[in-house]
N, C-alpha and C. Protein backbone atom coordinates (compact mmCIF):
# COMPACT_ATOMS: atom_id res chain seq x y z
N MET A 1 0.82 -1.09 -0.15
CA MET A 1 -0.53 -0.02 0.39
C MET A 1 0.99 1.07 -0.08
N ALA A 2 0.57 1.93 -0.92
CA ALA A 2 1.03 3.54 -0.88
C ALA A 2 0.96 4.37 0.13
N LYS A 3 2.26 5.10 0.20
CA LYS A 3 1.43 6.19 1.71
C LYS A 3 0.83 6.93 0.89
N THR A 4 -0.72 7.22 2.28
CA THR A 4 -1.67 8.06 1.79
C THR A 4 -1.21 9.38 1.66
N SER A 5 0.16 9.89 2.20
CA SER A 5 0.14 11.47 1.84
C SER A 5 0.71 11.46 -0.25
N ILE A 6 0.89 10.49 -0.42
CA ILE A 6 1.92 10.47 -1.67
C ILE A 6 0.68 10.36 -2.51
N VAL A 7 -0.58 9.53 -2.45
CA VAL A 7 -1.68 9.51 -3.05
C VAL A 7 -2.75 10.43 -2.86
N ALA A 8 -2.23 11.54 -1.35
CA ALA A 8 -3.10 12.23 -1.42
C ALA A 8 -2.77 13.31 -2.66
N ARG A 9 -1.98 13.41 -2.74
CA ARG A 9 -0.72 14.62 -3.32
C ARG A 9 -1.20 14.76 -4.95
N ASP A 10 -1.39 13.14 -5.49
CA ASP A 10 -1.70 12.77 -6.69
C ASP A 10 -3.20 12.87 -6.65
N ALA A 11 -3.58 13.12 -5.89
CA ALA A 11 -5.21 13.29 -6.11
C ALA A 11 -5.48 15.12 -6.12
N LYS A 12 -5.00 15.58 -5.33
CA LYS A 12 -4.67 17.24 -5.50
C LYS A 12 -3.97 17.68 -6.90
N ARG A 13 -3.11 17.24 -7.35
CA ARG A 13 -2.86 17.11 -8.73
C ARG A 13 -3.91 17.17 -9.71
N LEU A 14 -4.76 16.20 -9.42
CA LEU A 14 -6.13 15.73 -10.73
C LEU A 14 -6.64 17.03 -10.62
N ARG A 15 -7.27 17.44 -9.07
CA ARG A 15 -8.20 18.54 -9.07
C ARG A 15 -7.36 19.80 -9.76
N MET A 16 -5.76 19.57 -9.50
CA MET A 16 -5.37 21.03 -10.23
C MET A 16 -5.54 20.84 -11.91
N ILE A 17 -5.40 19.61 -12.38
CA ILE A 17 -5.53 19.44 -13.59
C ILE A 17 -6.57 20.08 -14.06
N GLU A 18 -8.03 19.01 -13.65
CA GLU A 18 -8.86 20.20 -14.07
C GLU A 18 -9.35 21.14 -14.07
N GLN A 19 -8.84 22.21 -12.45
CA GLN A 19 -9.74 23.56 -12.59
C GLN A 19 -8.65 24.27 -13.81
N TYR A 20 -7.21 23.95 -14.39
CA TYR A 20 -6.60 24.78 -15.09
C TYR A 20 -6.62 24.68 -16.34
N SER A 21 -7.19 23.36 -16.78
CA SER A 21 -7.55 22.46 -17.99
C SER A 21 -7.96 23.66 -19.70
N ALA A 22 -9.20 24.31 -19.04
CA ALA A 22 -9.78 25.32 -20.00
C ALA A 22 -8.65 26.09 -20.34
N LYS A 23 -7.96 26.74 -19.20
CA LYS A 23 -6.81 28.41 -19.41
C LYS A 23 -5.94 27.53 -20.02
N ARG A 24 -5.26 26.58 -19.90
CA ARG A 24 -4.49 26.21 -20.10
C ARG A 24 -4.56 25.61 -21.93
N ALA A 25 -5.60 25.24 -22.23
CA ALA A 25 -5.83 24.81 -23.58
C ALA A 25 -5.93 26.30 -24.50
N GLU A 26 -6.66 27.21 -24.13
CA GLU A 26 -6.37 28.71 -24.48
C GLU A 26 -5.05 29.32 -24.66
N LEU A 27 -4.39 29.43 -23.83
CA LEU A 27 -2.91 29.94 -23.62
C LEU A 27 -2.00 29.18 -24.74
N LYS A 28 -2.34 27.78 -24.96
CA LYS A 28 -1.62 27.15 -26.15
C LYS A 28 -2.14 27.45 -27.60
N LYS A 29 -3.59 27.84 -27.21
CA LYS A 29 -3.99 27.76 -28.65
C LYS A 29 -3.56 29.07 -29.28
N LEU A 30 -3.53 30.08 -28.50
CA LEU A 30 -3.15 32.03 -28.47
C LEU A 30 -1.11 31.34 -28.69
N GLY A 31 -0.57 30.53 -28.29
CA GLY A 31 0.94 30.35 -28.20
C GLY A 31 1.71 31.32 -27.37
N ASP A 32 0.83 31.61 -26.16
CA ASP A 32 1.52 32.10 -25.19
C ASP A 32 1.86 31.40 -24.63
N LEU A 33 3.72 31.16 -24.64
CA LEU A 33 4.23 30.32 -23.83
C LEU A 33 4.72 30.87 -21.91
N GLU A 34 4.66 31.94 -22.40
CA GLU A 34 4.83 33.25 -21.01
C GLU A 34 4.26 33.16 -19.75
N GLY A 35 2.75 32.80 -20.23
CA GLY A 35 1.56 32.88 -19.75
C GLY A 35 1.33 31.05 -19.30
N LEU A 36 1.58 30.15 -19.91
CA LEU A 36 1.80 28.72 -19.93
C LEU A 36 2.93 28.46 -18.20
N ALA A 37 3.67 29.34 -18.52
CA ALA A 37 4.87 29.00 -17.19
C ALA A 37 4.28 29.65 -16.26
N LYS A 38 3.87 30.30 -16.47
CA LYS A 38 3.17 30.95 -15.38
C LYS A 38 1.79 30.52 -14.64
N LEU A 39 1.42 29.51 -15.26
CA LEU A 39 0.52 28.40 -14.25
C LEU A 39 1.23 27.71 -13.40
N PRO A 40 0.29 27.25 -12.44
CA PRO A 40 1.11 26.37 -11.88
C PRO A 40 1.81 24.88 -12.29
N ARG A 41 2.96 24.61 -11.99
CA ARG A 41 3.94 23.22 -12.78
C ARG A 41 2.66 21.91 -12.15
N ASN A 42 2.18 21.80 -11.22
CA ASN A 42 1.23 20.68 -10.77
C ASN A 42 -0.17 20.43 -11.69
N SER A 43 -0.27 21.64 -12.55
CA SER A 43 -1.39 21.69 -13.16
C SER A 43 -1.17 21.27 -14.64
N SER A 44 -0.36 20.63 -15.12
CA SER A 44 0.36 20.09 -16.35
C SER A 44 -0.13 18.93 -16.04
N PRO A 45 -0.62 18.22 -17.02
CA PRO A 45 -1.37 16.36 -16.99
C PRO A 45 -0.15 15.73 -17.10
N THR A 46 1.03 16.12 -17.28
CA THR A 46 2.14 15.41 -17.18
C THR A 46 2.65 14.79 -15.92
N ARG A 47 2.37 15.50 -14.94
CA ARG A 47 2.91 15.91 -13.62
C ARG A 47 2.00 14.77 -12.84
N ARG A 48 0.68 14.06 -13.73
CA ARG A 48 0.23 13.20 -12.48
C ARG A 48 0.96 11.82 -13.05
N THR A 49 0.66 10.66 -11.82
CA THR A 49 1.00 9.64 -11.99
C THR A 49 -0.27 8.38 -12.06
N ASN A 50 0.07 7.93 -13.07
CA ASN A 50 -0.90 6.29 -13.12
C ASN A 50 -0.62 5.33 -11.30
N ARG A 51 -1.91 5.47 -10.70
CA ARG A 51 -1.84 4.54 -9.47
C ARG A 51 -2.78 3.29 -9.97
N CYS A 52 -2.53 2.47 -9.21
CA CYS A 52 -3.56 1.41 -8.49
C CYS A 52 -4.33 1.80 -7.74
N LEU A 53 -5.65 1.81 -8.43
CA LEU A 53 -7.15 2.09 -7.54
C LEU A 53 -7.56 1.74 -6.38
N GLU A 54 -6.84 0.25 -5.83
CA GLU A 54 -7.03 -0.28 -4.95
C GLU A 54 -5.75 0.08 -4.05
N THR A 55 -4.62 -0.32 -3.72
CA THR A 55 -3.70 -0.13 -3.18
C THR A 55 -2.54 1.42 -3.53
N GLY A 56 -2.87 2.12 -4.52
CA GLY A 56 -1.97 3.60 -5.11
C GLY A 56 -0.77 3.29 -5.43
N ARG A 57 -0.38 1.78 -5.54
CA ARG A 57 0.73 2.03 -6.55
C ARG A 57 1.34 2.21 -7.71
N SER A 58 2.31 3.09 -7.46
CA SER A 58 2.39 3.61 -8.77
C SER A 58 3.57 2.69 -10.09
N ARG A 59 4.18 1.40 -9.26
CA ARG A 59 4.79 0.60 -10.28
C ARG A 59 4.03 -0.32 -10.63
N GLY A 60 4.44 -1.06 -12.00
CA GLY A 60 3.44 -2.19 -12.35
C GLY A 60 2.14 -1.92 -12.87
N TYR A 61 1.67 -1.05 -12.67
CA TYR A 61 0.15 0.00 -13.30
C TYR A 61 0.05 -0.96 -14.47
N MET A 62 -0.93 -1.48 -15.00
CA MET A 62 -1.55 -1.91 -16.05
C MET A 62 -2.84 -0.94 -16.00
N ARG A 63 -2.89 -0.31 -17.39
CA ARG A 63 -3.52 1.04 -17.94
C ARG A 63 -4.70 0.63 -18.32
N GLN A 64 -5.25 -0.57 -18.88
CA GLN A 64 -6.02 -1.14 -19.29
C GLN A 64 -7.08 -1.49 -18.08
N PHE A 65 -6.99 -2.17 -16.86
CA PHE A 65 -7.46 -2.38 -16.03
C PHE A 65 -7.33 -1.63 -14.53
N GLY A 66 -6.81 -0.22 -14.93
CA GLY A 66 -6.12 0.53 -13.38
C GLY A 66 -5.78 -0.58 -12.30
N LEU A 67 -5.63 -1.15 -12.70
CA LEU A 67 -4.49 -1.99 -11.18
C LEU A 67 -3.06 -2.38 -11.04
N SER A 68 -2.38 -2.44 -10.52
CA SER A 68 -0.93 -2.97 -10.28
C SER A 68 -1.26 -4.58 -10.80
N ARG A 69 -0.11 -4.90 -11.18
CA ARG A 69 -0.26 -6.44 -11.20
C ARG A 69 -0.20 -7.00 -10.41
N ILE A 70 0.16 -6.76 -9.03
CA ILE A 70 -0.27 -7.64 -7.79
C ILE A 70 -1.79 -7.49 -7.70
N SER A 71 -2.42 -6.39 -7.70
CA SER A 71 -4.06 -6.15 -7.27
C SER A 71 -4.89 -6.99 -8.89
N PHE A 72 -4.17 -7.05 -9.88
CA PHE A 72 -4.70 -7.44 -11.25
C PHE A 72 -4.67 -9.12 -10.97
N ARG A 73 -3.27 -9.48 -10.26
CA ARG A 73 -3.06 -11.27 -10.10
C ARG A 73 -4.07 -11.40 -9.17
N GLU A 74 -4.57 -10.97 -8.29
CA GLU A 74 -5.26 -11.44 -7.10
C GLU A 74 -6.83 -11.37 -7.41
N HIS A 75 -7.20 -10.68 -8.09
CA HIS A 75 -8.56 -10.44 -8.92
C HIS A 75 -8.54 -11.66 -10.32
N ALA A 76 -7.62 -11.59 -11.06
CA ALA A 76 -8.03 -12.44 -12.27
C ALA A 76 -8.09 -13.92 -11.34
N SER A 77 -7.05 -14.71 -10.34
CA SER A 77 -7.23 -15.42 -10.11
C SER A 77 -8.74 -15.94 -9.33
N LYS A 78 -9.13 -14.70 -8.69
CA LYS A 78 -10.60 -15.27 -7.79
C LYS A 78 -11.80 -15.14 -9.08
N GLY A 79 -11.44 -14.91 -10.43
CA GLY A 79 -12.32 -15.03 -11.57
C GLY A 79 -12.65 -13.51 -11.94
N GLU A 80 -12.66 -12.62 -11.01
CA GLU A 80 -13.85 -11.20 -10.63
C GLU A 80 -13.62 -10.20 -12.17
N ILE A 81 -12.44 -10.68 -12.77
CA ILE A 81 -11.77 -9.91 -14.12
C ILE A 81 -12.77 -10.64 -15.14
N PRO A 82 -13.31 -10.29 -16.24
CA PRO A 82 -14.10 -10.45 -17.38
C PRO A 82 -13.17 -11.05 -18.43
N GLY A 83 -13.30 -11.94 -18.60
CA GLY A 83 -12.43 -12.10 -20.10
C GLY A 83 -10.89 -12.43 -19.55
N VAL A 84 -10.34 -12.80 -18.65
CA VAL A 84 -9.18 -13.36 -18.45
C VAL A 84 -9.39 -14.57 -17.48
N THR A 85 -8.37 -15.24 -18.15
CA THR A 85 -8.18 -16.59 -17.76
C THR A 85 -6.74 -17.02 -17.26
N LYS A 86 -6.43 -17.85 -16.57
CA LYS A 86 -5.11 -18.31 -16.62
C LYS A 86 -4.96 -19.23 -17.74
N ALA A 87 -3.61 -18.37 -18.16
CA ALA A 87 -2.99 -19.33 -19.22
C ALA A 87 -2.40 -20.68 -19.02
N SER A 88 -2.96 -21.96 -20.32
CA SER A 88 -2.34 -22.95 -19.85
C SER A 88 -2.32 -23.91 -21.24
N TRP A 89 -1.04 -24.20 -21.33
CA TRP A 89 -0.60 -25.09 -23.15
C TRP A 89 0.11 -26.35 -22.78
């Protein structure tokens, strides 16, 4: 489980991205690089990290499912993810 402060920081970044998205798009359209530089750093979408929905783990994230590899394996073993079966050959 990730530290709650790190998960909270990422949630704060997400709120800030949503708050400044319209202004950022307008400044990009006008080509105002100085205006973009004055916006808060955390309002940039590239500063956000993909995190597991359950544990908050950032490494081993599977974008298609929104889970880390560990959480994915647990759910897949229990049969809770539709269309995912254990490989056998």
